[in-house]
C-alpha atoms as a PDB file:
ATOM      1  CA  MET A   1     111.566 137.098 120.874  1.00  0.00           C
ATOM      2  CA  ARG A   2     112.434 139.471 123.650  1.00  0.00           C
ATOM      3  CA  VAL A   3     113.108 139.017 127.357  1.00  0.00           C
ATOM      4  CA  VAL A   4     111.490 141.323 129.907  1.00  0.00           C
ATOM      5  CA  SER A   5     113.588 141.694 133.047  1.00  0.00           C
ATOM      6  CA  LEU A   6     110.655 142.920 135.145  1.00  0.00           C
ATOM      7  CA  PHE A   7     108.629 139.732 134.954  1.00  0.00           C
ATOM      8  CA  PHE A   8     108.205 139.642 138.739  1.00  0.00           C
ATOM      9  CA  LEU A   9     106.092 142.772 138.372  1.00  0.00           C
ATOM     10  CA  LEU A  10     103.550 140.984 136.201  1.00  0.00           C
ATOM     11  CA  LEU A  11     100.086 140.291 137.515  1.00  0.00           C
ATOM     12  CA  MET A  12     100.292 137.823 140.386  1.00  0.00           C
ATOM     13  CA  LEU A  13      97.074 135.909 140.948  1.00  0.00           C
ATOM     14  CA  PRO A  14      96.306 133.613 143.901  1.00  0.00           C
ATOM     15  CA  ILE A  15      97.383 129.985 143.595  1.00  0.00           C
ATOM     16  CA  LEU A  16      95.208 127.150 144.862  1.00  0.00           C
ATOM     17  CA  PRO A  17      96.456 125.918 148.250  1.00  0.00           C
ATOM     18  CA  PRO A  18      98.655 122.822 148.316  1.00  0.00           C
ATOM     19  CA  SER A  19      95.936 120.720 149.918  1.00  0.00           C
ATOM     20  CA  GLN A  20      94.077 120.804 146.622  1.00  0.00           C
ATOM     21  CA  THR A  21      97.054 119.645 144.583  1.00  0.00           C
ATOM     22  CA  GLU A  22      98.824 117.006 146.671  1.00  0.00           C
ATOM     23  CA  THR A  23      97.116 114.067 144.924  1.00  0.00           C
ATOM     24  CA  GLU A  24      98.924 112.450 142.042  1.00  0.00           C
ATOM     25  CA  THR A  25      98.538 114.497 138.872  1.00  0.00           C
ATOM     26  CA  PRO A  26      97.416 112.575 135.788  1.00  0.00           C
ATOM     27  CA  ALA A  27      99.540 112.891 132.667  1.00  0.00           C
ATOM     28  CA  PRO A  28      97.973 115.542 130.427  1.00  0.00           C
ATOM     29  CA  ALA A  29      96.796 114.534 126.975  1.00  0.00           C
ATOM     30  CA  TRP A  30      98.567 116.790 124.500  1.00  0.00           C
ATOM     31  CA  GLY A  31      96.370 117.751 121.588  1.00  0.00           C
ATOM     32  CA  GLU A  32      97.785 117.827 118.070  1.00  0.00           C
ATOM     33  CA  PRO A  33      97.509 120.483 116.845  1.00  0.00           C
ATOM     34  CA  HIS A  34      97.539 122.810 119.839  1.00  0.00           C
ATOM     35  CA  PHE A  35      97.809 126.462 120.807  1.00  0.00           C
ATOM     36  CA  ALA A  36     100.626 127.231 123.275  1.00  0.00           C
ATOM     37  CA  PRO A  37     101.301 130.984 123.612  1.00  0.00           C
ATOM     38  CA  TYR A  38     104.545 132.290 125.071  1.00  0.00           C
ATOM     39  CA  ILE A  39     104.116 133.705 128.553  1.00  0.00           C
ATOM     40  CA  TYR A  40     106.373 134.760 131.426  1.00  0.00           C
ATOM     41  CA  PRO A  41     106.092 132.344 134.380  1.00  0.00           C
ATOM     42  CA  SER A  42     104.422 134.663 136.868  1.00  0.00           C
ATOM     43  CA  TYR A  43     100.813 134.456 135.745  1.00  0.00           C
ATOM     44  CA  ASN A  44      98.270 132.037 137.167  1.00  0.00           C
ATOM     45  CA  LEU A  45      98.160 129.547 134.308  1.00  0.00           C
ATOM     46  CA  ALA A  46      95.457 127.396 135.882  1.00  0.00           C
ATOM     47  CA  LEU A  47      93.178 130.413 136.266  1.00  0.00           C
ATOM     48  CA  LEU A  48      93.792 131.459 132.663  1.00  0.00           C
ATOM     49  CA  ASN A  49      92.823 127.960 131.594  1.00  0.00           C
ATOM     50  CA  ARG A  50      89.592 128.141 133.557  1.00  0.00           C
ATOM     51  CA  THR A  51      88.667 131.627 132.373  1.00  0.00           C
ATOM     52  CA  ILE A  52      89.657 131.641 128.675  1.00  0.00           C
ATOM     53  CA  GLY A  53      90.132 127.948 127.907  1.00  0.00           C
ATOM     54  CA  VAL A  54      93.802 127.931 126.883  1.00  0.00           C
ATOM     55  CA  ARG A  55      95.286 124.586 127.958  1.00  0.00           C
ATOM     56  CA  TYR A  56      98.959 124.855 126.996  1.00  0.00           C
ATOM     57  CA  PHE A  57     101.546 127.558 127.607  1.00  0.00           C
ATOM     58  CA  THR A  58     105.159 128.079 126.524  1.00  0.00           C
ATOM     59  CA  LEU A  59     107.075 129.456 129.520  1.00  0.00           C
ATOM     60  CA  ALA A  60     109.800 131.955 128.575  1.00  0.00           C
ATOM     61  CA  PHE A  61     112.752 131.921 129.024  1.00  0.00           C
ATOM     62  CA  VAL A  62     115.347 129.708 130.711  1.00  0.00           C
ATOM     63  CA  LEU A  63     118.724 131.457 130.507  1.00  0.00           C
ATOM     64  CA  SER A  64     122.098 131.428 132.211  1.00  0.00           C
ATOM     65  CA  GLY A  65     122.761 133.957 134.936  1.00  0.00           C
ATOM     66  CA  GLY A  66     126.478 133.610 134.253  1.00  0.00           C
ATOM     67  CA  GLU A  67     126.912 129.989 135.300  1.00  0.00           C
ATOM     68  CA  CYS A  68     125.867 126.638 133.842  1.00  0.00           C
ATOM     69  CA  VAL A  69     122.520 126.646 135.651  1.00  0.00           C
ATOM     70  CA  GLY A  70     119.132 127.429 134.157  1.00  0.00           C
ATOM     71  CA  LEU A  71     117.216 130.351 135.669  1.00  0.00           C
ATOM     72  CA  TRP A  72     114.091 132.230 134.628  1.00  0.00           C
ATOM     73  CA  GLN A  73     115.358 135.264 132.707  1.00  0.00           C
ATOM     74  CA  GLY A  74     118.793 134.338 134.046  1.00  0.00           C
ATOM     75  CA  SER A  75     117.876 135.504 137.556  1.00  0.00           C
ATOM     76  CA  ALA A  76     115.073 133.505 139.245  1.00  0.00           C
ATOM     77  CA  GLN A  77     114.995 129.921 140.498  1.00  0.00           C
ATOM     78  CA  LEU A  78     113.091 127.540 138.249  1.00  0.00           C
ATOM     79  CA  ASP A  79     111.182 125.615 140.902  1.00  0.00           C
ATOM     80  CA  GLN A  80     109.561 128.525 142.708  1.00  0.00           C
ATOM     81  CA  TYR A  81     106.762 127.304 144.953  1.00  0.00           C
ATOM     82  CA  PHE A  82     103.951 129.278 143.322  1.00  0.00           C
ATOM     83  CA  LEU A  83     104.970 128.125 139.830  1.00  0.00           C
ATOM     84  CA  VAL A  84     105.290 124.444 140.742  1.00  0.00           C
ATOM     85  CA  GLN A  85     101.841 124.525 142.359  1.00  0.00           C
ATOM     86  CA  ASP A  86     100.411 126.414 139.393  1.00  0.00           C
ATOM     87  CA  ILE A  87     101.707 123.840 136.901  1.00  0.00           C
ATOM     88  CA  ARG A  88     100.248 121.047 139.035  1.00  0.00           C
ATOM     89  CA  ASN A  89      96.881 122.808 139.101  1.00  0.00           C
ATOM     90  CA  LEU A  90      96.997 123.303 135.338  1.00  0.00           C
ATOM     91  CA  ARG A  91      97.767 119.623 134.775  1.00  0.00           C
ATOM     92  CA  THR A  92      94.829 118.501 136.915  1.00  0.00           C
ATOM     93  CA  GLN A  93      92.686 120.541 134.488  1.00  0.00           C
ATOM     94  CA  GLY A  94      94.142 118.743 131.455  1.00  0.00           C
ATOM     95  CA  GLY A  95      96.742 121.352 130.489  1.00  0.00           C
ATOM     96  CA  ASP A  96     100.526 121.487 130.495  1.00  0.00           C
ATOM     97  CA  VAL A  97     103.568 123.654 129.806  1.00  0.00           C
ATOM     98  CA  ILE A  98     106.466 123.843 127.368  1.00  0.00           C
ATOM     99  CA  ILE A  99     109.751 125.177 128.758  1.00  0.00           C
ATOM    100  CA  SER A 100     111.575 127.492 126.349  1.00  0.00           C
ATOM    101  CA  PHE A 101     115.333 128.095 126.404  1.00  0.00           C
ATOM    102  CA  GLY A 102     116.949 131.110 124.784  1.00  0.00           C
ATOM    103  CA  GLY A 103     115.080 133.982 123.178  1.00  0.00           C
ATOM    104  CA  ALA A 104     116.438 137.232 121.817  1.00  0.00           C
ATOM    105  CA  GLY A 105     118.069 138.437 125.041  1.00  0.00           C
ATOM    106  CA  GLY A 106     120.498 136.918 127.523  1.00  0.00           C
ATOM    107  CA  ASP A 107     122.738 133.862 127.199  1.00  0.00           C
ATOM    108  CA  GLU A 108     121.326 130.439 126.413  1.00  0.00           C
ATOM    109  CA  LEU A 109     123.004 127.691 128.440  1.00  0.00           C
ATOM    110  CA  ALA A 110     124.930 126.299 125.453  1.00  0.00           C
ATOM    111  CA  GLN A 111     126.836 129.579 125.262  1.00  0.00           C
ATOM    112  CA  VAL A 112     127.950 129.387 128.890  1.00  0.00           C
ATOM    113  CA  CYS A 113     128.389 125.728 129.878  1.00  0.00           C
ATOM    114  CA  ASP A 114     131.978 124.584 129.302  1.00  0.00           C
ATOM    115  CA  ASP A 115     131.262 121.145 127.894  1.00  0.00           C
ATOM    116  CA  VAL A 116     128.553 118.794 126.675  1.00  0.00           C
ATOM    117  CA  GLU A 117     128.326 116.927 129.966  1.00  0.00           C
ATOM    118  CA  SER A 118     127.594 120.001 132.073  1.00  0.00           C
ATOM    119  CA  LEU A 119     125.149 121.330 129.484  1.00  0.00           C
ATOM    120  CA  THR A 120     123.297 118.019 129.351  1.00  0.00           C
ATOM    121  CA  ALA A 121     123.055 118.053 133.147  1.00  0.00           C
ATOM    122  CA  ALA A 122     121.721 121.635 133.136  1.00  0.00           C
ATOM    123  CA  TYR A 123     119.003 120.734 130.624  1.00  0.00           C
ATOM    124  CA  GLN A 124     118.174 117.534 132.510  1.00  0.00           C
ATOM    125  CA  GLN A 125     117.796 119.507 135.724  1.00  0.00           C
ATOM    126  CA  VAL A 126     115.013 121.558 134.116  1.00  0.00           C
ATOM    127  CA  ILE A 127     113.206 118.383 133.037  1.00  0.00           C
ATOM    128  CA  ASP A 128     113.510 116.917 136.528  1.00  0.00           C
ATOM    129  CA  LEU A 129     112.624 120.040 138.521  1.00  0.00           C
ATOM    130  CA  LEU A 130     109.446 120.782 136.580  1.00  0.00           C
ATOM    131  CA  ASP A 131     108.642 117.239 135.406  1.00  0.00           C
ATOM    132  CA  VAL A 132     108.176 118.391 131.817  1.00  0.00           C
ATOM    133  CA  THR A 133     107.771 116.493 128.555  1.00  0.00           C
ATOM    134  CA  HIS A 134     108.073 119.417 126.105  1.00  0.00           C
ATOM    135  CA  LEU A 135     111.129 121.632 125.602  1.00  0.00           C
ATOM    136  CA  ASP A 136     111.598 124.506 123.164  1.00  0.00           C
ATOM    137  CA  PHE A 137     114.891 125.991 121.988  1.00  0.00           C
ATOM    138  CA  ASP A 138     114.494 129.551 120.703  1.00  0.00           C
ATOM    139  CA  ILE A 139     117.648 130.159 118.657  1.00  0.00           C
ATOM    140  CA  GLU A 140     118.063 133.719 117.369  1.00  0.00           C
ATOM    141  CA  GLY A 141     120.550 136.305 116.183  1.00  0.00           C
ATOM    142  CA  ASP A 142     124.255 135.555 116.545  1.00  0.00           C
ATOM    143  CA  GLU A 143     123.517 132.137 118.064  1.00  0.00           C
ATOM    144  CA  MET A 144     122.605 130.843 114.604  1.00  0.00           C
ATOM    145  CA  ASP A 145     126.196 131.467 113.478  1.00  0.00           C
ATOM    146  CA  ASP A 146     127.954 130.283 116.651  1.00  0.00           C
ATOM    147  CA  GLY A 147     129.326 126.908 115.625  1.00  0.00           C
ATOM    148  CA  ILE A 148     130.735 126.026 119.050  1.00  0.00           C
ATOM    149  CA  SER A 149     127.486 126.526 120.974  1.00  0.00           C
ATOM    150  CA  ILE A 150     125.462 124.894 118.185  1.00  0.00           C
ATOM    151  CA  ALA A 151     127.594 121.746 118.313  1.00  0.00           C
ATOM    152  CA  ARG A 152     127.534 121.665 122.122  1.00  0.00           C
ATOM    153  CA  ARG A 153     123.747 122.136 122.177  1.00  0.00           C
ATOM    154  CA  PHE A 154     123.062 119.455 119.570  1.00  0.00           C
ATOM    155  CA  GLU A 155     125.250 116.929 121.395  1.00  0.00           C
ATOM    156  CA  ALA A 156     123.508 117.697 124.677  1.00  0.00           C
ATOM    157  CA  ILE A 157     120.054 117.449 123.082  1.00  0.00           C
ATOM    158  CA  ALA A 158     120.980 114.102 121.500  1.00  0.00           C
ATOM    159  CA  ASN A 159     121.972 112.919 124.988  1.00  0.00           C
ATOM    160  CA  LEU A 160     118.683 114.192 126.410  1.00  0.00           C
ATOM    161  CA  GLN A 161     116.654 112.444 123.748  1.00  0.00           C
ATOM    162  CA  ALA A 162     118.462 109.169 124.413  1.00  0.00           C
ATOM    163  CA  ALA A 163     117.829 109.460 128.155  1.00  0.00           C
ATOM    164  CA  ASN A 164     114.288 110.907 127.859  1.00  0.00           C
ATOM    165  CA  PRO A 165     112.669 109.369 124.757  1.00  0.00           C
ATOM    166  CA  ASP A 166     109.238 110.735 125.705  1.00  0.00           C
ATOM    167  CA  VAL A 167     110.402 114.364 125.827  1.00  0.00           C
ATOM    168  CA  HIS A 168     109.388 116.369 122.743  1.00  0.00           C
ATOM    169  CA  MET A 169     111.729 119.009 121.310  1.00  0.00           C
ATOM    170  CA  SER A 170     110.730 122.071 119.309  1.00  0.00           C
ATOM    171  CA  PHE A 171     113.115 124.563 117.746  1.00  0.00           C
ATOM    172  CA  THR A 172     111.892 128.131 117.349  1.00  0.00           C
ATOM    173  CA  LEU A 173     113.662 129.659 114.360  1.00  0.00           C
ATOM    174  CA  GLY A 174     113.472 132.771 112.229  1.00  0.00           C
ATOM    175  CA  VAL A 175     111.746 132.606 108.860  1.00  0.00           C
ATOM    176  CA  MET A 176     110.883 134.813 105.907  1.00  0.00           C
ATOM    177  CA  PRO A 177     107.733 134.700 103.770  1.00  0.00           C
ATOM    178  CA  ASP A 178     109.675 132.625 101.221  1.00  0.00           C
ATOM    179  CA  GLY A 179     110.754 130.103 103.849  1.00  0.00           C
ATOM    180  CA  LEU A 180     113.661 129.247 106.101  1.00  0.00           C
ATOM    181  CA  PRO A 181     116.883 131.140 105.320  1.00  0.00           C
ATOM    182  CA  HIS A 182     119.812 129.092 104.051  1.00  0.00           C
ATOM    183  CA  LEU A 183     121.668 129.330 107.384  1.00  0.00           C
ATOM    184  CA  THR A 184     118.624 127.971 109.206  1.00  0.00           C
ATOM    185  CA  GLN A 185     118.247 125.100 106.752  1.00  0.00           C
ATOM    186  CA  ARG A 186     121.891 124.225 107.355  1.00  0.00           C
ATOM    187  CA  PHE A 187     121.261 124.367 111.102  1.00  0.00           C
ATOM    188  CA  ILE A 188     118.459 121.801 110.847  1.00  0.00           C
ATOM    189  CA  GLU A 189     120.380 119.543 108.455  1.00  0.00           C
ATOM    190  CA  ASN A 190     123.427 119.711 110.718  1.00  0.00           C
ATOM    191  CA  GLY A 191     121.385 118.548 113.707  1.00  0.00           C
ATOM    192  CA  ILE A 192     119.831 115.685 111.769  1.00  0.00           C
ATOM    193  CA  VAL A 193     122.878 114.400 109.886  1.00  0.00           C
ATOM    194  CA  ASN A 194     125.776 115.063 112.238  1.00  0.00           C
ATOM    195  CA  TYR A 195     124.161 114.662 115.662  1.00  0.00           C
ATOM    196  CA  GLY A 196     121.068 112.528 115.120  1.00  0.00           C
ATOM    197  CA  VAL A 197     118.807 115.091 116.769  1.00  0.00           C
ATOM    198  CA  ARG A 198     115.072 114.504 116.475  1.00  0.00           C
ATOM    199  CA  PHE A 199     113.237 117.688 115.474  1.00  0.00           C
ATOM    200  CA  ASP A 200     109.685 117.092 116.662  1.00  0.00           C
ATOM    201  CA  LEU A 201     108.553 120.559 115.576  1.00  0.00           C
ATOM    202  CA  ILE A 202     110.041 123.547 113.735  1.00  0.00           C
ATOM    203  CA  ASN A 203     108.356 126.615 115.199  1.00  0.00           C
ATOM    204  CA  LEU A 204     108.473 129.500 112.713  1.00  0.00           C
ATOM    205  CA  MET A 205     108.811 133.051 114.056  1.00  0.00           C
ATOM    206  CA  THR A 206     106.526 134.751 111.533  1.00  0.00           C
ATOM    207  CA  MET A 207     107.385 138.305 112.573  1.00  0.00           C
ATOM    208  CA  ASP A 208     109.811 141.196 112.144  1.00  0.00           C
ATOM    209  CA  TYR A 209     110.628 140.523 108.497  1.00  0.00           C
ATOM    210  CA  GLY A 210     112.081 143.960 107.827  1.00  0.00           C
ATOM    211  CA  GLY A 211     111.992 145.941 104.591  1.00  0.00           C
ATOM    212  CA  GLY A 212     110.830 144.412 101.363  1.00  0.00           C
ATOM    213  CA  THR A 213     107.670 142.749 102.691  1.00  0.00           C
ATOM    214  CA  ALA A 214     104.199 144.294 102.790  1.00  0.00           C
ATOM    215  CA  PRO A 215     103.633 145.259 106.463  1.00  0.00           C
ATOM    216  CA  ASP A 216      99.849 144.935 106.172  1.00  0.00           C
ATOM    217  CA  GLN A 217      99.855 141.322 104.936  1.00  0.00           C
ATOM    218  CA  MET A 218     101.252 139.531 107.972  1.00  0.00           C
ATOM    219  CA  GLY A 219      98.690 136.734 107.834  1.00  0.00           C
ATOM    220  CA  GLU A 220      99.517 136.011 104.194  1.00  0.00           C
ATOM    221  CA  HIS A 221     103.230 136.118 105.007  1.00  0.00           C
ATOM    222  CA  ALA A 222     102.807 133.588 107.837  1.00  0.00           C
ATOM    223  CA  ILE A 223     100.954 131.198 105.560  1.00  0.00           C
ATOM    224  CA  SER A 224     103.501 131.652 102.777  1.00  0.00           C
ATOM    225  CA  ALA A 225     106.347 130.990 105.228  1.00  0.00           C
ATOM    226  CA  ALA A 226     104.691 127.786 106.453  1.00  0.00           C
ATOM    227  CA  GLU A 227     104.052 126.529 102.923  1.00  0.00           C
ATOM    228  CA  ALA A 228     107.661 127.181 101.911  1.00  0.00           C
ATOM    229  CA  ALA A 229     108.994 125.560 105.101  1.00  0.00           C
ATOM    230  CA  HIS A 230     106.826 122.512 104.380  1.00  0.00           C
ATOM    231  CA  GLU A 231     108.575 122.083 101.030  1.00  0.00           C
ATOM    232  CA  GLN A 232     111.995 122.586 102.620  1.00  0.00           C
ATOM    233  CA  LEU A 233     111.290 119.988 105.304  1.00  0.00           C
ATOM    234  CA  ALA A 234     110.100 117.564 102.633  1.00  0.00           C
ATOM    235  CA  ALA A 235     113.609 117.651 101.164  1.00  0.00           C
ATOM    236  CA  LEU A 236     115.118 116.940 104.600  1.00  0.00           C
ATOM    237  CA  TYR A 237     112.586 114.235 105.485  1.00  0.00           C
ATOM    238  CA  PRO A 238     111.759 112.462 102.198  1.00  0.00           C
ATOM    239  CA  ASP A 239     110.102 109.519 103.981  1.00  0.00           C
ATOM    240  CA  LYS A 240     107.514 111.615 105.812  1.00  0.00           C
ATOM    241  CA  SER A 241     104.000 112.169 104.485  1.00  0.00           C
ATOM    242  CA  ASP A 242     102.519 115.609 103.851  1.00  0.00           C
ATOM    243  CA  ALA A 243     100.442 115.276 107.029  1.00  0.00           C
ATOM    244  CA  GLU A 244     103.499 114.344 109.089  1.00  0.00           C
ATOM    245  CA  LEU A 245     105.409 117.329 107.720  1.00  0.00           C
ATOM    246  CA  TRP A 246     102.569 119.762 108.493  1.00  0.00           C
ATOM    247  CA  ALA A 247     102.441 118.370 112.036  1.00  0.00           C
ATOM    248  CA  MET A 248     106.157 119.261 112.366  1.00  0.00           C
ATOM    249  CA  ILE A 249     105.480 122.952 111.700  1.00  0.00           C
ATOM    250  CA  GLY A 250     104.552 125.617 114.233  1.00  0.00           C
ATOM    251  CA  ILE A 251     103.589 129.227 113.527  1.00  0.00           C
ATOM    252  CA  THR A 252     104.340 132.008 116.019  1.00  0.00           C
ATOM    253  CA  PRO A 253     103.436 135.600 115.077  1.00  0.00           C
ATOM    254  CA  MET A 254     104.037 138.694 117.163  1.00  0.00           C
ATOM    255  CA  ILE A 255     100.497 139.913 117.701  1.00  0.00           C
ATOM    256  CA  GLY A 256      99.572 143.528 117.085  1.00  0.00           C
ATOM    257  CA  LEU A 257     102.389 145.932 116.310  1.00  0.00           C
ATOM    258  CA  ASN A 258     105.703 144.237 115.539  1.00  0.00           C
ATOM    259  CA  ASP A 259     109.173 145.457 116.493  1.00  0.00           C
ATOM    260  CA  VAL A 260     109.735 146.326 112.831  1.00  0.00           C
ATOM    261  CA  ASP A 261     107.554 149.339 112.062  1.00  0.00           C
ATOM    262  CA  PRO A 262     104.962 149.380 110.455  1.00  0.00           C
ATOM    263  CA  GLU A 263     104.372 145.607 110.496  1.00  0.00           C
ATOM    264  CA  GLU A 264     101.046 144.813 112.155  1.00  0.00           C
ATOM    265  CA  PHE A 265      99.510 141.396 112.820  1.00  0.00           C
ATOM    266  CA  THR A 266      95.761 141.953 113.156  1.00  0.00           C
ATOM    267  CA  LEU A 267      92.845 139.936 114.482  1.00  0.00           C
ATOM    268  CA  GLU A 268      91.872 139.282 110.870  1.00  0.00           C
ATOM    269  CA  ASP A 269      95.367 137.876 110.282  1.00  0.00           C
ATOM    270  CA  ALA A 270      94.912 135.627 113.326  1.00  0.00           C
ATOM    271  CA  ALA A 271      91.628 134.261 111.952  1.00  0.00           C
ATOM    272  CA  MET A 272      93.242 133.636 108.556  1.00  0.00           C
ATOM    273  CA  VAL A 273      96.232 131.801 110.046  1.00  0.00           C
ATOM    274  CA  THR A 274      94.018 129.749 112.372  1.00  0.00           C
ATOM    275  CA  GLU A 275      91.827 128.602 109.479  1.00  0.00           C
ATOM    276  CA  PHE A 276      94.954 127.625 107.527  1.00  0.00           C
ATOM    277  CA  ALA A 277      96.432 125.794 110.534  1.00  0.00           C
ATOM    278  CA  ILE A 278      93.261 123.754 111.062  1.00  0.00           C
ATOM    279  CA  GLU A 279      92.991 122.938 107.366  1.00  0.00           C
ATOM    280  CA  ARG A 280      96.610 121.750 107.068  1.00  0.00           C
ATOM    281  CA  GLY A 281      97.001 120.161 110.491  1.00  0.00           C
ATOM    282  CA  ILE A 282      99.739 122.500 111.686  1.00  0.00           C
ATOM    283  CA  GLY A 283     101.338 121.071 114.827  1.00  0.00           C
ATOM    284  CA  ARG A 284     101.354 124.223 116.940  1.00  0.00           C
ATOM    285  CA  LEU A 285     100.142 127.785 116.956  1.00  0.00           C
ATOM    286  CA  ALA A 286     101.758 130.135 119.431  1.00  0.00           C
ATOM    287  CA  MET A 287     102.141 133.900 119.738  1.00  0.00           C
ATOM    288  CA  TRP A 288     104.366 136.528 121.237  1.00  0.00           C
ATOM    289  CA  SER A 289     102.942 136.910 123.741  1.00  0.00           C
ATOM    290  CA  MET A 290     100.131 136.250 126.210  1.00  0.00           C
ATOM    291  CA  GLU A 291     101.018 139.439 128.112  1.00  0.00           C
ATOM    292  CA  ARG A 292     100.490 141.453 124.928  1.00  0.00           C
ATOM    293  CA  ASP A 293      96.997 140.067 124.233  1.00  0.00           C
ATOM    294  CA  ARG A 294      95.209 143.217 125.354  1.00  0.00           C
ATOM    295  CA  GLU A 295      94.765 146.813 124.289  1.00  0.00           C
ATOM    296  CA  CYS A 296      97.230 149.409 125.559  1.00  0.00           C
ATOM    297  CA  VAL A 297      96.050 152.067 127.992  1.00  0.00           C
ATOM    298  CA  SER A 298      93.913 154.674 126.197  1.00  0.00           C
ATOM    299  CA  GLY A 299      94.277 152.713 122.970  1.00  0.00           C
ATOM    300  CA  GLN A 300      97.906 153.791 122.596  1.00  0.00           C
ATOM    301  CA  ARG A 301      99.646 152.566 119.432  1.00  0.00           C
ATOM    302  CA  ALA A 302     103.073 151.509 120.671  1.00  0.00           C
ATOM    303  CA  VAL A 303     105.242 148.392 120.714  1.00  0.00           C
ATOM    304  CA  MET A 304     105.156 147.330 124.359  1.00  0.00           C
ATOM    305  CA  TRP A 305     105.744 144.111 126.273  1.00  0.00           C
ATOM    306  CA  ASN A 306     102.344 144.146 128.009  1.00  0.00           C
ATOM    307  CA  CYS A 307      99.908 145.175 125.255  1.00  0.00           C
ATOM    308  CA  SER A 308      99.459 144.732 121.507  1.00  0.00           C
ATOM    309  CA  GLY A 309      99.357 148.367 120.423  1.00  0.00           C
ATOM    310  CA  ILE A 310      96.087 147.864 118.522  1.00  0.00           C
ATOM    311  CA  LEU A 311      92.403 148.134 119.429  1.00  0.00           C
ATOM    312  CA  GLN A 312      91.148 144.772 120.735  1.00  0.00           C
ATOM    313  CA  GLU A 313      89.283 142.993 123.493  1.00  0.00           C
ATOM    314  CA  GLU A 314      91.382 141.331 126.183  1.00  0.00           C
ATOM    315  CA  TYR A 315      92.608 137.878 125.058  1.00  0.00           C
ATOM    316  CA  ALA A 316      90.978 138.279 121.639  1.00  0.00           C
ATOM    317  CA  PHE A 317      93.952 136.693 119.857  1.00  0.00           C
ATOM    318  CA  SER A 318      94.009 133.783 122.303  1.00  0.00           C
ATOM    319  CA  GLN A 319      90.333 133.068 121.705  1.00  0.00           C
ATOM    320  CA  ILE A 320      90.917 132.908 117.947  1.00  0.00           C
ATOM    321  CA  PHE A 321      94.096 130.816 118.007  1.00  0.00           C
ATOM    322  CA  ASN A 322      92.777 128.419 120.635  1.00  0.00           C
ATOM    323  CA  ALA A 323      90.366 126.970 118.064  1.00  0.00           C
ATOM    324  CA  VAL A 324      93.206 124.756 116.812  1.00  0.00           C
ATOM    325  CA  THR A 325      93.524 122.870 120.108  1.00  0.00           C
ATOM    326  CA  GLY A 326      92.116 119.376 119.817  1.00  0.00           C
END
C-alpha cells in the first residue's frame, strides 16, 4: 500500500479542546471482528466516529526518515498535539487506533536500525508515545526477501511481545486468490519457529493481483484468498480451531480502481466480502483507504490517493464494511 507525501494537505478538522479530554481515558473495548480502515493521521478520527460510526482506524505509516526513529511518512513527529488529542477523544467514544509500520514506500525501521536493541527501542517508543495496544507491520516488495531486516524485525518484535504481552501484532502481507505465496508462508513459519513471534492476525492485501485473474471478480478473489489462507494457517497452527484461525485473518482490499488496471473493487464486492467476513468470523476488515472512500471530482475514473475512481456516495464502502464491528 502506498505512501502519500502530502498528508499534511489532507482535510484538517477542528479538534476538541484539551479541557474536554484531560480526564483519564477508559481502555477501549476492541470488538472481534472489527473494521479498521487505513488512514493518514491528519483527519479528525473522533469526528469521523461520530458522523459515520467507524470506531477503529489503522494509522499509516511509521517509517524511518534516515535514522532509527519512527516518523509519520518518515518526516513528521509521531506525538503531534492535534493527533494525541484526537486519539484521546476517539478513545473516550469507545474507539481506538492501530499503528502501521512500513507500506509500499519509504524505509521501515528494520531496514535502517543497526541492531536489534535500537530497533526494539524505536518500536517501544511508538507504543509509549501513543499508548497503543495494536501494531501492524505492512511488509511488501523487496522487504519480503531481505533476510537481514526480517531477522532483525522478528527479534525486535519478540522482545516487544515479551515486554508488552497485551500488545496485539498484525502482519499485512500480499496474497493471491489461491492463497499466500510460498515466500510469504516461509516468512510466517520463520517468525513462529525461529523467533517465537506471536502472529495475532494475518492481514491479507486482496488487491493488485496482476495478469491472470479476472479484474471484475475482486470480491470473489478476496474470499478465495481468505479461504486458502485459512487452510495454510491450519497447517502452521494445527492446535487451533477453525474459529480461532478465521479470527487470525484480516482482509484488506483497495477500494474502487486498483493500481493494476483494470482491477476494480466495487460496492457489490464490499457487500459480498462483508457478508463472508461476518459468516466466518474474520478478525478484521480494512481497506485502502479512508481517503479514497469518495467519488472523484466530476466522476473521473482514475487511480488517485484521495478518491476511489468509481461512482459512489461518500464513505459508502465504510458504511458497508463497518457492519462487521461488534
